Amino acid sequence: MTTLTLVGARLAEPGQEFVYRGEASACDGCPYRDQCLNLTEGHRYRVAEVRENASLLDCGVHDTGVQAVEVEPAPLRANVASSKAYAGSKVSLEGPCPHTGCPSHEFCEPAGAEFDGSYRIAEVVGDPPHDYCMLDRDLTLVEFEAPEE
């Protein structure tokens, strides 16, 4: 199901994904706040469609303005313990990783997921992008279901 919202003009491209971070201090008094602040904070979204003929509106947060788009909850990819990596199962992330240079870091600490959260696996993707886990974790790359809104 899609939701109509306003996003920064740079994000207003079909397929573009982002994590909604909530209200900024610059939103105080904005006449468009009801149209912008209608998503769930911390959730990942994908732009499904850009509204045609929609005006570019001035914004105190986005320097190039905001535009009307339809968004949908987006699934996200993450590394989970291989012993728990089964489609349909619910899992949580393994925990933080200090190795930011690792090619798997973005999947061990994916934007839009919390370490104390529980997520249903939609698909087992396979081996993670790293050759060796510096924390000696046995991990598998999966795709979580998009959360229900």
N, C-alpha and C. Protein backbone atom coordinates (compact mmCIF):
# COMPACT_ATOMS: atom_id res chain seq x y z
N MET A 1 0.84 -1.17 0.00
CA MET A 1 0.00 0.00 0.00
C MET A 1 0.89 1.25 0.00
N THR A 2 0.56 2.21 -0.83
CA THR A 2 1.35 3.43 -0.93
C THR A 2 0.76 4.54 -0.07
N THR A 3 1.62 5.47 0.29
CA THR A 3 1.24 6.63 1.08
C THR A 3 1.72 7.87 0.35
N LEU A 4 0.90 8.88 0.27
CA LEU A 4 1.28 10.14 -0.34
C LEU A 4 2.01 10.98 0.70
N THR A 5 3.18 11.48 0.33
CA THR A 5 3.97 12.30 1.24
C THR A 5 4.80 13.27 0.43
N LEU A 6 5.55 14.11 1.11
CA LEU A 6 6.49 15.02 0.47
C LEU A 6 7.90 14.59 0.84
N VAL A 7 8.79 14.57 -0.15
CA VAL A 7 10.20 14.25 0.11
C VAL A 7 11.07 15.29 -0.58
N GLY A 8 12.32 15.35 -0.16
CA GLY A 8 13.27 16.25 -0.81
C GLY A 8 13.35 15.95 -2.29
N ALA A 9 13.49 17.00 -3.08
CA ALA A 9 13.49 16.85 -4.54
C ALA A 9 14.55 15.87 -5.02
N ARG A 10 15.68 15.77 -4.32
CA ARG A 10 16.74 14.83 -4.73
C ARG A 10 16.31 13.37 -4.54
N LEU A 11 15.36 13.12 -3.65
CA LEU A 11 14.87 11.76 -3.41
C LEU A 11 13.68 11.40 -4.30
N ALA A 12 13.13 12.37 -4.99
CA ALA A 12 11.90 12.17 -5.75
C ALA A 12 12.16 11.47 -7.08
N GLU A 13 12.62 10.23 -7.00
CA GLU A 13 12.87 9.38 -8.16
C GLU A 13 12.28 8.00 -7.87
N PRO A 14 11.52 7.42 -8.78
CA PRO A 14 11.00 6.07 -8.53
C PRO A 14 12.13 5.09 -8.23
N GLY A 15 11.93 4.28 -7.19
CA GLY A 15 12.92 3.31 -6.78
C GLY A 15 13.88 3.80 -5.72
N GLN A 16 13.96 5.10 -5.53
CA GLN A 16 14.86 5.67 -4.52
C GLN A 16 14.38 5.25 -3.13
N GLU A 17 15.31 4.81 -2.27
CA GLU A 17 14.96 4.37 -0.93
C GLU A 17 15.56 5.30 0.11
N PHE A 18 14.87 5.42 1.24
CA PHE A 18 15.34 6.26 2.34
C PHE A 18 14.75 5.75 3.65
N VAL A 19 15.38 6.15 4.74
CA VAL A 19 14.86 5.86 6.07
C VAL A 19 14.28 7.17 6.60
N TYR A 20 13.02 7.14 7.00
CA TYR A 20 12.36 8.33 7.51
C TYR A 20 12.86 8.61 8.92
N ARG A 21 13.42 9.78 9.15
CA ARG A 21 14.03 10.13 10.43
C ARG A 21 13.14 11.01 11.32
N GLY A 22 11.97 11.38 10.84
CA GLY A 22 11.05 12.16 11.67
C GLY A 22 11.22 13.66 11.50
N GLU A 23 10.63 14.38 12.42
CA GLU A 23 10.57 15.83 12.35
C GLU A 23 11.91 16.48 12.70
N ALA A 24 12.24 17.51 11.95
CA ALA A 24 13.43 18.32 12.22
C ALA A 24 12.98 19.64 12.84
N SER A 25 13.88 20.32 13.50
CA SER A 25 13.51 21.59 14.14
C SER A 25 13.03 22.62 13.12
N ALA A 26 13.52 22.54 11.88
CA ALA A 26 13.11 23.47 10.83
C ALA A 26 11.67 23.24 10.38
N CYS A 27 11.02 22.16 10.85
CA CYS A 27 9.64 21.86 10.48
C CYS A 27 8.63 22.71 11.26
N ASP A 28 9.07 23.31 12.37
CA ASP A 28 8.16 24.13 13.19
C ASP A 28 7.54 25.23 12.35
N GLY A 29 6.22 25.28 12.37
CA GLY A 29 5.49 26.32 11.66
C GLY A 29 5.35 26.13 10.17
N CYS A 30 5.85 25.06 9.62
CA CYS A 30 5.76 24.83 8.18
C CYS A 30 4.31 24.51 7.79
N PRO A 31 3.80 25.12 6.73
CA PRO A 31 2.43 24.84 6.31
C PRO A 31 2.24 23.45 5.70
N TYR A 32 3.33 22.77 5.36
CA TYR A 32 3.23 21.46 4.72
C TYR A 32 3.50 20.30 5.68
N ARG A 33 3.67 20.59 6.97
CA ARG A 33 4.10 19.56 7.92
C ARG A 33 3.17 18.36 7.97
N ASP A 34 1.88 18.52 7.79
CA ASP A 34 0.95 17.37 7.81
C ASP A 34 1.18 16.43 6.63
N GLN A 35 1.63 16.98 5.51
CA GLN A 35 1.89 16.16 4.33
C GLN A 35 3.27 15.49 4.41
N CYS A 36 4.21 16.09 5.15
CA CYS A 36 5.58 15.55 5.26
C CYS A 36 5.73 14.56 6.41
N LEU A 37 5.12 14.85 7.53
CA LEU A 37 5.36 14.10 8.76
C LEU A 37 4.34 13.00 8.97
N ASN A 38 4.05 12.25 7.90
CA ASN A 38 3.00 11.22 7.96
C ASN A 38 3.54 9.80 7.79
N LEU A 39 4.85 9.62 7.96
CA LEU A 39 5.45 8.29 7.84
C LEU A 39 5.88 7.81 9.22
N THR A 40 6.28 6.56 9.33
CA THR A 40 6.70 5.98 10.61
C THR A 40 8.21 6.16 10.78
N GLU A 41 8.59 6.84 11.84
CA GLU A 41 9.99 7.13 12.10
C GLU A 41 10.81 5.85 12.22
N GLY A 42 11.96 5.85 11.55
CA GLY A 42 12.86 4.71 11.59
C GLY A 42 12.58 3.64 10.54
N HIS A 43 11.48 3.77 9.80
CA HIS A 43 11.16 2.79 8.77
C HIS A 43 11.79 3.17 7.43
N ARG A 44 12.06 2.15 6.64
CA ARG A 44 12.66 2.33 5.31
C ARG A 44 11.51 2.38 4.28
N TYR A 45 11.62 3.32 3.34
CA TYR A 45 10.60 3.49 2.31
C TYR A 45 11.25 3.55 0.93
N ARG A 46 10.43 3.21 -0.07
CA ARG A 46 10.84 3.30 -1.48
C ARG A 46 9.83 4.20 -2.19
N VAL A 47 10.36 5.11 -3.01
CA VAL A 47 9.48 5.97 -3.81
C VAL A 47 8.88 5.11 -4.91
N ALA A 48 7.55 5.00 -4.90
CA ALA A 48 6.85 4.19 -5.89
C ALA A 48 6.51 5.01 -7.12
N GLU A 49 6.13 6.26 -6.90
CA GLU A 49 5.71 7.11 -8.01
C GLU A 49 5.86 8.57 -7.63
N VAL A 50 6.29 9.38 -8.59
CA VAL A 50 6.37 10.82 -8.40
C VAL A 50 5.08 11.41 -8.98
N ARG A 51 4.41 12.22 -8.22
CA ARG A 51 3.17 12.84 -8.69
C ARG A 51 3.47 13.78 -9.86
N GLU A 52 2.76 13.56 -10.96
CA GLU A 52 2.94 14.40 -12.13
C GLU A 52 2.34 15.77 -11.89
N ASN A 53 2.98 16.78 -12.46
CA ASN A 53 2.52 18.16 -12.38
C ASN A 53 2.47 18.69 -10.94
N ALA A 54 3.15 18.03 -10.02
CA ALA A 54 3.19 18.52 -8.64
C ALA A 54 4.21 19.65 -8.54
N SER A 55 3.86 20.66 -7.77
CA SER A 55 4.76 21.80 -7.60
C SER A 55 5.93 21.44 -6.70
N LEU A 56 7.04 22.09 -6.95
CA LEU A 56 8.18 22.00 -6.07
C LEU A 56 7.96 23.04 -4.98
N LEU A 57 7.90 22.60 -3.73
CA LEU A 57 7.56 23.48 -2.61
C LEU A 57 8.81 23.83 -1.81
N ASP A 58 8.86 25.06 -1.32
CA ASP A 58 9.99 25.49 -0.49
C ASP A 58 10.01 24.71 0.81
N CYS A 59 11.22 24.46 1.32
CA CYS A 59 11.37 23.66 2.53
C CYS A 59 12.57 24.16 3.33
N GLY A 60 12.40 24.21 4.65
CA GLY A 60 13.48 24.63 5.53
C GLY A 60 14.51 23.55 5.78
N VAL A 61 14.22 22.31 5.40
CA VAL A 61 15.14 21.20 5.61
C VAL A 61 15.86 20.85 4.31
N HIS A 62 15.11 20.73 3.23
CA HIS A 62 15.67 20.33 1.93
C HIS A 62 15.93 21.57 1.08
N ASP A 63 17.19 21.84 0.79
CA ASP A 63 17.58 23.07 0.10
C ASP A 63 17.01 23.18 -1.31
N THR A 64 16.67 22.05 -1.93
CA THR A 64 16.10 22.11 -3.28
C THR A 64 14.58 21.98 -3.27
N GLY A 65 13.98 22.01 -2.08
CA GLY A 65 12.53 21.92 -1.95
C GLY A 65 12.04 20.50 -1.82
N VAL A 66 10.72 20.36 -1.70
CA VAL A 66 10.09 19.05 -1.58
C VAL A 66 9.07 18.86 -2.69
N GLN A 67 8.78 17.58 -2.97
CA GLN A 67 7.88 17.22 -4.05
C GLN A 67 6.97 16.10 -3.58
N ALA A 68 5.76 16.07 -4.09
CA ALA A 68 4.79 15.03 -3.73
C ALA A 68 5.14 13.72 -4.43
N VAL A 69 5.17 12.64 -3.63
CA VAL A 69 5.46 11.30 -4.15
C VAL A 69 4.58 10.29 -3.41
N GLU A 70 4.46 9.12 -4.00
CA GLU A 70 3.84 8.00 -3.31
C GLU A 70 4.96 7.07 -2.90
N VAL A 71 4.95 6.67 -1.62
CA VAL A 71 5.99 5.77 -1.10
C VAL A 71 5.33 4.50 -0.58
N GLU A 72 6.15 3.44 -0.51
CA GLU A 72 5.70 2.17 0.05
C GLU A 72 6.78 1.67 0.99
N PRO A 73 6.40 0.90 2.01
CA PRO A 73 7.42 0.32 2.88
C PRO A 73 8.36 -0.54 2.04
N ALA A 74 9.65 -0.44 2.33
CA ALA A 74 10.66 -1.18 1.55
C ALA A 74 11.27 -2.28 2.40
N PRO A 75 11.51 -3.44 1.78
CA PRO A 75 12.23 -4.49 2.49
C PRO A 75 13.69 -4.06 2.63
N LEU A 76 14.41 -4.69 3.55
CA LEU A 76 15.83 -4.37 3.64
C LEU A 76 16.64 -5.63 3.79
N ARG A 77 17.88 -5.55 3.34
CA ARG A 77 18.79 -6.69 3.40
C ARG A 77 19.66 -6.55 4.64
N ALA A 78 19.92 -7.71 5.26
CA ALA A 78 20.72 -7.73 6.47
C ALA A 78 21.44 -9.06 6.60
N ASN A 79 22.53 -9.05 7.36
CA ASN A 79 23.22 -10.28 7.72
C ASN A 79 22.66 -10.78 9.04
N VAL A 80 22.32 -12.07 9.08
CA VAL A 80 21.84 -12.69 10.31
C VAL A 80 22.62 -13.99 10.53
N ALA A 81 22.50 -14.54 11.73
CA ALA A 81 23.17 -15.80 12.03
C ALA A 81 22.71 -16.87 11.05
N SER A 82 23.65 -17.56 10.45
CA SER A 82 23.32 -18.59 9.45
C SER A 82 22.40 -19.66 10.01
N SER A 83 22.53 -19.96 11.29
CA SER A 83 21.70 -21.00 11.91
C SER A 83 20.23 -20.60 11.99
N LYS A 84 19.92 -19.31 11.81
CA LYS A 84 18.55 -18.81 11.90
C LYS A 84 18.01 -18.31 10.56
N ALA A 85 18.79 -18.45 9.50
CA ALA A 85 18.45 -17.87 8.21
C ALA A 85 17.54 -18.78 7.39
N TYR A 86 16.25 -18.74 7.72
CA TYR A 86 15.24 -19.52 6.99
C TYR A 86 14.09 -18.60 6.60
N ALA A 87 13.65 -18.67 5.36
CA ALA A 87 12.54 -17.85 4.91
C ALA A 87 11.33 -18.11 5.80
N GLY A 88 10.71 -17.04 6.25
CA GLY A 88 9.53 -17.13 7.10
C GLY A 88 9.83 -17.04 8.58
N SER A 89 11.08 -17.25 8.97
CA SER A 89 11.41 -17.19 10.40
C SER A 89 11.60 -15.75 10.85
N LYS A 90 11.44 -15.53 12.15
CA LYS A 90 11.67 -14.21 12.74
C LYS A 90 13.01 -14.22 13.43
N VAL A 91 13.80 -13.17 13.17
CA VAL A 91 15.15 -13.08 13.73
C VAL A 91 15.42 -11.64 14.16
N SER A 92 16.52 -11.47 14.85
CA SER A 92 17.01 -10.13 15.17
C SER A 92 18.44 -10.03 14.67
N LEU A 93 18.95 -8.83 14.62
CA LEU A 93 20.32 -8.61 14.18
C LEU A 93 21.29 -9.13 15.23
N GLU A 94 22.48 -9.47 14.80
CA GLU A 94 23.48 -10.05 15.70
C GLU A 94 24.07 -9.05 16.68
N GLY A 95 24.05 -7.79 16.36
CA GLY A 95 24.62 -6.78 17.24
C GLY A 95 25.57 -5.87 16.48
N PRO A 96 26.00 -4.81 17.14
CA PRO A 96 26.87 -3.84 16.47
C PRO A 96 28.20 -4.44 16.04
N CYS A 97 28.80 -3.78 15.06
CA CYS A 97 30.11 -4.20 14.55
C CYS A 97 30.97 -2.95 14.38
N PRO A 98 32.14 -2.92 14.99
CA PRO A 98 33.00 -1.74 14.88
C PRO A 98 33.79 -1.66 13.57
N HIS A 99 33.73 -2.68 12.74
CA HIS A 99 34.55 -2.76 11.52
C HIS A 99 33.84 -2.09 10.35
N THR A 100 33.86 -0.77 10.34
CA THR A 100 33.12 0.00 9.34
C THR A 100 33.68 -0.15 7.93
N GLY A 101 34.91 -0.60 7.79
CA GLY A 101 35.50 -0.79 6.47
C GLY A 101 35.15 -2.12 5.83
N CYS A 102 34.49 -2.98 6.57
CA CYS A 102 34.11 -4.30 6.05
C CYS A 102 33.03 -4.14 4.97
N PRO A 103 33.11 -4.92 3.88
CA PRO A 103 32.09 -4.81 2.84
C PRO A 103 30.70 -5.24 3.29
N SER A 104 30.59 -5.91 4.44
CA SER A 104 29.29 -6.33 4.96
C SER A 104 28.73 -5.38 6.02
N HIS A 105 29.48 -4.35 6.39
CA HIS A 105 29.05 -3.51 7.50
C HIS A 105 27.64 -2.95 7.31
N GLU A 106 27.32 -2.51 6.10
CA GLU A 106 25.98 -1.95 5.85
C GLU A 106 24.87 -2.98 6.03
N PHE A 107 25.22 -4.27 5.97
CA PHE A 107 24.22 -5.32 6.18
C PHE A 107 24.19 -5.81 7.63
N CYS A 108 25.28 -5.61 8.35
CA CYS A 108 25.31 -5.97 9.77
C CYS A 108 24.65 -4.88 10.61
N GLU A 109 24.69 -3.64 10.12
CA GLU A 109 24.04 -2.52 10.79
C GLU A 109 23.19 -1.77 9.76
N PRO A 110 22.13 -2.43 9.22
CA PRO A 110 21.36 -1.81 8.13
C PRO A 110 20.51 -0.63 8.61
N ALA A 111 20.52 0.44 7.81
CA ALA A 111 19.69 1.60 8.10
C ALA A 111 18.22 1.20 8.01
N GLY A 112 17.48 1.52 9.04
CA GLY A 112 16.06 1.17 9.07
C GLY A 112 15.75 -0.05 9.91
N ALA A 113 16.76 -0.61 10.58
CA ALA A 113 16.55 -1.77 11.46
C ALA A 113 17.20 -1.48 12.81
N GLU A 114 16.63 -2.03 13.86
CA GLU A 114 17.15 -1.84 15.21
C GLU A 114 17.66 -3.17 15.74
N PHE A 115 18.68 -3.13 16.58
CA PHE A 115 19.24 -4.36 17.13
C PHE A 115 18.26 -5.10 18.03
N ASP A 116 17.38 -4.38 18.70
CA ASP A 116 16.42 -5.04 19.58
C ASP A 116 15.11 -5.38 18.87
N GLY A 117 15.04 -5.17 17.56
CA GLY A 117 13.84 -5.48 16.79
C GLY A 117 13.82 -6.93 16.34
N SER A 118 12.63 -7.36 15.92
CA SER A 118 12.44 -8.70 15.39
C SER A 118 11.87 -8.56 13.98
N TYR A 119 12.47 -9.29 13.04
CA TYR A 119 12.12 -9.14 11.64
C TYR A 119 11.88 -10.50 11.00
N ARG A 120 10.88 -10.56 10.11
CA ARG A 120 10.58 -11.79 9.40
C ARG A 120 11.40 -11.83 8.11
N ILE A 121 12.03 -12.97 7.87
CA ILE A 121 12.83 -13.16 6.66
C ILE A 121 11.91 -13.49 5.49
N ALA A 122 11.98 -12.67 4.45
CA ALA A 122 11.20 -12.92 3.24
C ALA A 122 11.96 -13.85 2.29
N GLU A 123 13.30 -13.68 2.26
CA GLU A 123 14.11 -14.43 1.31
C GLU A 123 15.53 -14.59 1.84
N VAL A 124 16.09 -15.76 1.64
CA VAL A 124 17.50 -15.99 1.94
C VAL A 124 18.26 -15.67 0.66
N VAL A 125 19.12 -14.65 0.72
CA VAL A 125 19.86 -14.20 -0.46
C VAL A 125 21.09 -15.07 -0.68
N GLY A 126 21.84 -15.33 0.42
CA GLY A 126 23.03 -16.18 0.29
C GLY A 126 24.21 -15.67 1.09
N ASP A 127 25.39 -15.86 0.54
CA ASP A 127 26.61 -15.47 1.24
C ASP A 127 26.70 -13.95 1.35
N PRO A 128 27.18 -13.46 2.50
CA PRO A 128 27.39 -12.01 2.65
C PRO A 128 28.57 -11.55 1.80
N PRO A 129 28.72 -10.25 1.59
CA PRO A 129 29.78 -9.75 0.72
C PRO A 129 31.21 -9.92 1.27
N HIS A 130 31.36 -10.15 2.54
CA HIS A 130 32.72 -10.29 3.10
C HIS A 130 33.25 -11.72 2.94
N ASP A 131 34.58 -11.83 2.94
CA ASP A 131 35.22 -13.15 2.88
C ASP A 131 35.39 -13.75 4.28
N TYR A 132 35.62 -12.86 5.25
CA TYR A 132 35.87 -13.32 6.60
C TYR A 132 35.28 -12.31 7.58
N CYS A 133 34.54 -12.77 8.58
CA CYS A 133 33.96 -11.89 9.59
C CYS A 133 34.99 -11.66 10.69
N MET A 134 35.33 -10.39 10.92
CA MET A 134 36.31 -10.02 11.94
C MET A 134 35.83 -10.33 13.35
N LEU A 135 34.52 -10.54 13.52
CA LEU A 135 33.96 -10.89 14.83
C LEU A 135 33.69 -12.39 14.91
N ASP A 136 34.14 -13.11 13.91
CA ASP A 136 34.00 -14.57 13.85
C ASP A 136 32.54 -15.03 13.89
N ARG A 137 31.67 -14.26 13.24
CA ARG A 137 30.26 -14.62 13.16
C ARG A 137 30.02 -15.39 11.87
N ASP A 138 29.17 -16.41 11.94
CA ASP A 138 28.77 -17.16 10.76
C ASP A 138 27.47 -16.53 10.27
N LEU A 139 27.54 -15.76 9.19
CA LEU A 139 26.41 -14.93 8.74
C LEU A 139 25.91 -15.32 7.36
N THR A 140 24.62 -15.05 7.15
CA THR A 140 23.98 -15.24 5.85
C THR A 140 23.22 -13.96 5.53
N LEU A 141 23.27 -13.54 4.27
CA LEU A 141 22.56 -12.36 3.82
C LEU A 141 21.11 -12.73 3.52
N VAL A 142 20.18 -11.98 4.10
CA VAL A 142 18.75 -12.22 3.90
C VAL A 142 18.06 -10.92 3.56
N GLU A 143 16.82 -11.03 3.11
CA GLU A 143 15.98 -9.85 2.91
C GLU A 143 14.81 -9.95 3.86
N PHE A 144 14.63 -8.92 4.70
CA PHE A 144 13.50 -8.89 5.62
C PHE A 144 12.26 -8.41 4.89
N GLU A 145 11.11 -8.86 5.35
CA GLU A 145 9.84 -8.34 4.81
C GLU A 145 9.73 -6.87 5.16
N ALA A 146 9.07 -6.13 4.30
CA ALA A 146 8.79 -4.73 4.61
C ALA A 146 7.78 -4.70 5.75
N PRO A 147 7.96 -3.80 6.72
CA PRO A 147 7.02 -3.75 7.84
C PRO A 147 5.64 -3.28 7.39
N GLU A 148 4.63 -3.74 8.08
CA GLU A 148 3.26 -3.28 7.81
C GLU A 148 3.09 -1.87 8.37
N GLU A 149 2.38 -1.06 7.65
CA GLU A 149 2.15 0.32 8.11
C GLU A 149 0.86 0.41 8.87
